[in-house]
Amino acid sequence: MISELALAIQFSVGIVFLLSSLSKLRHPHRFVRSAVAYAVLPTRMTRALALALIPVEAFLAVAFLTGRIVAVALPLAAATLLVFLVAVSINLRRGRRIPCGCFGQASEPISLRTITRLLMLLGAIGLLAAIRSSALTPLPAPRLVTCVRHHW
């Protein structure tokens, strides 16, 4: 049952990154303008990072949907979502209600709902990482105990 949960989480996160990256791939300059509106970093740096983020999100979508390189995708997804969380938090603290930019032109303004969504995605990434690490980590203790008992 745990493996089914992990697969459901992995697929769900992949869908989120797919939907997010598709709108950005279709209209990259619109996304860059949206990122610049956050006014967290200098404009040139923001433009470069926003353009770099588009293939990162596409990679994350492919990794989670295919199940390939998920070990690489998990920390990258967590870092990406943390960057979004920081940018949204800074702008909410400033009292700004700018468009999220997450899923294209029709994005809603940032709000506590945006923070909640990002925290839920981070939680999903954390849970998936925990499930995967527990499933991939061999449990040598029972073998060691058995060997010690037979040896003595």
C-alpha atoms as a PDB file:
ATOM      1  CA  MET A   1       0.000   0.000   0.000  1.00  0.00           C
ATOM      2  CA  ILE A   2       2.906   2.361   0.724  1.00  0.00           C
ATOM      3  CA  SER A   3       4.260   1.914  -2.795  1.00  0.00           C
ATOM      4  CA  GLU A   4       0.843   2.832  -4.222  1.00  0.00           C
ATOM      5  CA  LEU A   5       0.786   5.956  -2.055  1.00  0.00           C
ATOM      6  CA  ALA A   6       4.266   6.899  -3.255  1.00  0.00           C
ATOM      7  CA  LEU A   7       3.221   6.383  -6.866  1.00  0.00           C
ATOM      8  CA  ALA A   8       0.091   8.506  -6.395  1.00  0.00           C
ATOM      9  CA  ILE A   9       2.100  11.318  -4.800  1.00  0.00           C
ATOM     10  CA  GLN A  10       4.798  11.115  -7.461  1.00  0.00           C
ATOM     11  CA  PHE A  11       2.231  11.219 -10.271  1.00  0.00           C
ATOM     12  CA  SER A  12       0.306  14.096  -8.662  1.00  0.00           C
ATOM     13  CA  VAL A  13       3.440  16.200  -8.225  1.00  0.00           C
ATOM     14  CA  GLY A  14       4.408  15.401 -11.817  1.00  0.00           C
ATOM     15  CA  ILE A  15       1.019  16.638 -13.061  1.00  0.00           C
ATOM     16  CA  VAL A  16       1.410  19.892 -11.106  1.00  0.00           C
ATOM     17  CA  PHE A  17       4.849  20.535 -12.604  1.00  0.00           C
ATOM     18  CA  LEU A  18       3.595  19.544 -16.070  1.00  0.00           C
ATOM     19  CA  LEU A  19       0.683  21.983 -15.971  1.00  0.00           C
ATOM     20  CA  SER A  20       2.903  24.700 -14.582  1.00  0.00           C
ATOM     21  CA  SER A  21       5.648  24.208 -17.165  1.00  0.00           C
ATOM     22  CA  LEU A  22       3.298  23.979 -20.168  1.00  0.00           C
ATOM     23  CA  SER A  23       1.963  27.501 -19.686  1.00  0.00           C
ATOM     24  CA  LYS A  24       5.496  28.806 -19.236  1.00  0.00           C
ATOM     25  CA  LEU A  25       6.751  26.967 -22.323  1.00  0.00           C
ATOM     26  CA  ARG A  26       3.919  28.451 -24.393  1.00  0.00           C
ATOM     27  CA  HIS A  27       4.453  32.013 -23.160  1.00  0.00           C
ATOM     28  CA  PRO A  28       7.937  32.339 -21.650  1.00  0.00           C
ATOM     29  CA  HIS A  29       8.063  36.135 -21.841  1.00  0.00           C
ATOM     30  CA  ARG A  30       4.756  36.420 -20.010  1.00  0.00           C
ATOM     31  CA  PHE A  31       6.203  34.252 -17.246  1.00  0.00           C
ATOM     32  CA  VAL A  32       9.375  36.362 -17.118  1.00  0.00           C
ATOM     33  CA  ARG A  33       7.256  39.513 -16.677  1.00  0.00           C
ATOM     34  CA  SER A  34       5.331  37.777 -13.922  1.00  0.00           C
ATOM     35  CA  ALA A  35       8.563  36.796 -12.146  1.00  0.00           C
ATOM     36  CA  VAL A  36       9.958  40.327 -12.448  1.00  0.00           C
ATOM     37  CA  ALA A  37       6.782  41.659 -10.789  1.00  0.00           C
ATOM     38  CA  TYR A  38       7.795  39.885  -7.579  1.00  0.00           C
ATOM     39  CA  ALA A  39      10.683  42.406  -7.276  1.00  0.00           C
ATOM     40  CA  VAL A  40      12.758  40.145  -5.036  1.00  0.00           C
ATOM     41  CA  LEU A  41      15.986  40.190  -7.061  1.00  0.00           C
ATOM     42  CA  PRO A  42      17.412  42.624  -9.612  1.00  0.00           C
ATOM     43  CA  THR A  43      15.493  42.531 -12.898  1.00  0.00           C
ATOM     44  CA  ARG A  44      18.290  41.033 -15.011  1.00  0.00           C
ATOM     45  CA  MET A  45      18.906  38.258 -12.530  1.00  0.00           C
ATOM     46  CA  THR A  46      15.180  37.561 -12.226  1.00  0.00           C
ATOM     47  CA  ARG A  47      14.814  37.315 -16.015  1.00  0.00           C
ATOM     48  CA  ALA A  48      17.683  34.830 -16.260  1.00  0.00           C
ATOM     49  CA  LEU A  49      16.405  32.733 -13.362  1.00  0.00           C
ATOM     50  CA  ALA A  50      12.854  32.745 -14.711  1.00  0.00           C
ATOM     51  CA  LEU A  51      14.036  31.518 -18.123  1.00  0.00           C
ATOM     52  CA  ALA A  52      16.134  28.831 -16.421  1.00  0.00           C
ATOM     53  CA  LEU A  53      13.178  27.765 -14.309  1.00  0.00           C
ATOM     54  CA  ILE A  54      11.097  26.771 -17.336  1.00  0.00           C
ATOM     55  CA  PRO A  55      13.256  23.777 -18.354  1.00  0.00           C
ATOM     56  CA  VAL A  56      13.722  22.884 -14.678  1.00  0.00           C
ATOM     57  CA  GLU A  57       9.970  22.567 -14.216  1.00  0.00           C
ATOM     58  CA  ALA A  58       9.681  20.589 -17.457  1.00  0.00           C
ATOM     59  CA  PHE A  59      12.435  18.250 -16.237  1.00  0.00           C
ATOM     60  CA  LEU A  60      10.649  17.807 -12.911  1.00  0.00           C
ATOM     61  CA  ALA A  61       7.401  16.952 -14.696  1.00  0.00           C
ATOM     62  CA  VAL A  62       9.102  14.329 -16.864  1.00  0.00           C
ATOM     63  CA  ALA A  63      11.077  12.884 -13.931  1.00  0.00           C
ATOM     64  CA  PHE A  64       8.049  12.482 -11.687  1.00  0.00           C
ATOM     65  CA  LEU A  65       5.717  11.239 -14.424  1.00  0.00           C
ATOM     66  CA  THR A  66       8.160   8.670 -15.782  1.00  0.00           C
ATOM     67  CA  GLY A  67       9.704   7.684 -12.467  1.00  0.00           C
ATOM     68  CA  ARG A  68      13.190   8.252 -13.837  1.00  0.00           C
ATOM     69  CA  ILE A  69      15.783  10.198 -11.891  1.00  0.00           C
ATOM     70  CA  VAL A  70      13.309  10.825  -9.070  1.00  0.00           C
ATOM     71  CA  ALA A  71      16.230  10.837  -6.639  1.00  0.00           C
ATOM     72  CA  VAL A  72      17.531  13.937  -8.453  1.00  0.00           C
ATOM     73  CA  ALA A  73      14.078  15.458  -8.916  1.00  0.00           C
ATOM     74  CA  LEU A  74      13.106  15.354  -5.237  1.00  0.00           C
ATOM     75  CA  PRO A  75      15.704  17.815  -3.881  1.00  0.00           C
ATOM     76  CA  LEU A  76      15.409  19.974  -7.004  1.00  0.00           C
ATOM     77  CA  ALA A  77      11.629  20.144  -6.594  1.00  0.00           C
ATOM     78  CA  ALA A  78      11.987  20.985  -2.904  1.00  0.00           C
ATOM     79  CA  ALA A  79      14.468  23.771  -3.689  1.00  0.00           C
ATOM     80  CA  THR A  80      12.232  25.140  -6.458  1.00  0.00           C
ATOM     81  CA  LEU A  81       9.165  25.161  -4.232  1.00  0.00           C
ATOM     82  CA  LEU A  82      11.131  26.798  -1.397  1.00  0.00           C
ATOM     83  CA  VAL A  83      12.212  29.589  -3.743  1.00  0.00           C
ATOM     84  CA  PHE A  84       8.566  30.119  -4.712  1.00  0.00           C
ATOM     85  CA  LEU A  85       7.545  30.086  -1.051  1.00  0.00           C
ATOM     86  CA  VAL A  86      10.129  32.717  -0.139  1.00  0.00           C
ATOM     87  CA  ALA A  87       9.162  34.981  -3.070  1.00  0.00           C
ATOM     88  CA  VAL A  88       5.448  34.736  -2.280  1.00  0.00           C
ATOM     89  CA  SER A  89       6.036  35.277   1.445  1.00  0.00           C
ATOM     90  CA  ILE A  90       8.162  38.370   0.841  1.00  0.00           C
ATOM     91  CA  ASN A  91       5.490  39.902  -1.373  1.00  0.00           C
ATOM     92  CA  LEU A  92       2.632  39.072   0.987  1.00  0.00           C
ATOM     93  CA  ARG A  93       4.606  40.653   3.816  1.00  0.00           C
ATOM     94  CA  ARG A  94       5.030  43.750   1.631  1.00  0.00           C
ATOM     95  CA  GLY A  95       1.246  43.809   1.222  1.00  0.00           C
ATOM     96  CA  ARG A  96       1.413  43.155  -2.516  1.00  0.00           C
ATOM     97  CA  ARG A  97      -1.254  41.101  -4.287  1.00  0.00           C
ATOM     98  CA  ILE A  98       0.445  40.307  -7.588  1.00  0.00           C
ATOM     99  CA  PRO A  99      -0.544  37.434  -9.890  1.00  0.00           C
ATOM    100  CA  CYS A 100       0.993  34.128  -8.844  1.00  0.00           C
ATOM    101  CA  GLY A 101       2.282  33.293 -12.336  1.00  0.00           C
ATOM    102  CA  CYS A 102       2.156  29.600 -11.490  1.00  0.00           C
ATOM    103  CA  PHE A 103      -0.142  28.390 -14.248  1.00  0.00           C
ATOM    104  CA  GLY A 104      -0.097  31.110 -16.841  1.00  0.00           C
ATOM    105  CA  GLN A 105      -2.076  34.251 -17.477  1.00  0.00           C
ATOM    106  CA  ALA A 106      -5.158  33.200 -15.540  1.00  0.00           C
ATOM    107  CA  SER A 107      -3.181  32.841 -12.302  1.00  0.00           C
ATOM    108  CA  GLU A 108      -4.872  34.103  -9.194  1.00  0.00           C
ATOM    109  CA  PRO A 109      -3.237  36.777  -7.038  1.00  0.00           C
ATOM    110  CA  ILE A 110      -0.871  35.488  -4.372  1.00  0.00           C
ATOM    111  CA  SER A 111      -2.495  34.894  -0.995  1.00  0.00           C
ATOM    112  CA  LEU A 112      -2.401  32.598   1.994  1.00  0.00           C
ATOM    113  CA  ARG A 113      -3.969  30.036  -0.334  1.00  0.00           C
ATOM    114  CA  THR A 114      -0.784  30.197  -2.447  1.00  0.00           C
ATOM    115  CA  ILE A 115       1.323  29.630   0.666  1.00  0.00           C
ATOM    116  CA  THR A 116      -0.889  26.693   1.656  1.00  0.00           C
ATOM    117  CA  ARG A 117      -0.603  25.140  -1.805  1.00  0.00           C
ATOM    118  CA  LEU A 118       3.194  25.473  -1.748  1.00  0.00           C
ATOM    119  CA  LEU A 119       3.408  23.988   1.748  1.00  0.00           C
ATOM    120  CA  MET A 120       1.217  21.068   0.673  1.00  0.00           C
ATOM    121  CA  LEU A 121       3.454  20.424  -2.329  1.00  0.00           C
ATOM    122  CA  LEU A 122       6.538  20.603  -0.113  1.00  0.00           C
ATOM    123  CA  GLY A 123       4.871  18.169   2.275  1.00  0.00           C
ATOM    124  CA  ALA A 124       4.137  15.810  -0.612  1.00  0.00           C
ATOM    125  CA  ILE A 125       7.763  16.017  -1.740  1.00  0.00           C
ATOM    126  CA  GLY A 126       8.944  15.341   1.825  1.00  0.00           C
ATOM    127  CA  LEU A 127       6.601  12.378   2.216  1.00  0.00           C
ATOM    128  CA  LEU A 128       7.650  10.950  -1.133  1.00  0.00           C
ATOM    129  CA  ALA A 129      11.313  11.331  -0.179  1.00  0.00           C
ATOM    130  CA  ALA A 130      10.684   9.599   3.158  1.00  0.00           C
ATOM    131  CA  ILE A 131       8.819   6.719   1.526  1.00  0.00           C
ATOM    132  CA  ARG A 132      11.462   6.284  -1.150  1.00  0.00           C
ATOM    133  CA  SER A 133      14.351   6.419   1.296  1.00  0.00           C
ATOM    134  CA  SER A 134      12.767   3.859   3.594  1.00  0.00           C
ATOM    135  CA  ALA A 135      12.026   1.551   0.660  1.00  0.00           C
ATOM    136  CA  LEU A 136      15.489   1.906  -0.850  1.00  0.00           C
ATOM    137  CA  THR A 137      17.468   1.644   2.370  1.00  0.00           C
ATOM    138  CA  PRO A 138      18.396  -1.951   3.172  1.00  0.00           C
ATOM    139  CA  LEU A 139      17.707  -3.000   6.723  1.00  0.00           C
ATOM    140  CA  PRO A 140      20.882  -4.817   7.771  1.00  0.00           C
ATOM    141  CA  ALA A 141      20.059  -5.066  11.501  1.00  0.00           C
ATOM    142  CA  PRO A 142      17.959  -8.273  11.310  1.00  0.00           C
ATOM    143  CA  ARG A 143      20.686 -10.048   9.326  1.00  0.00           C
ATOM    144  CA  LEU A 144      23.333  -8.868  11.747  1.00  0.00           C
ATOM    145  CA  VAL A 145      21.325 -10.126  14.715  1.00  0.00           C
ATOM    146  CA  THR A 146      20.811 -13.500  12.986  1.00  0.00           C
ATOM    147  CA  CYS A 147      24.537 -13.823  12.215  1.00  0.00           C
ATOM    148  CA  VAL A 148      25.504 -12.947  15.769  1.00  0.00           C
ATOM    149  CA  ARG A 149      23.078 -15.533  17.200  1.00  0.00           C
ATOM    150  CA  HIS A 150      24.405 -18.302  14.939  1.00  0.00           C
ATOM    151  CA  HIS A 151      27.985 -17.367  15.596  1.00  0.00           C
ATOM    152  CA  TRP A 152      27.663 -17.518  19.395  1.00  0.00           C
END
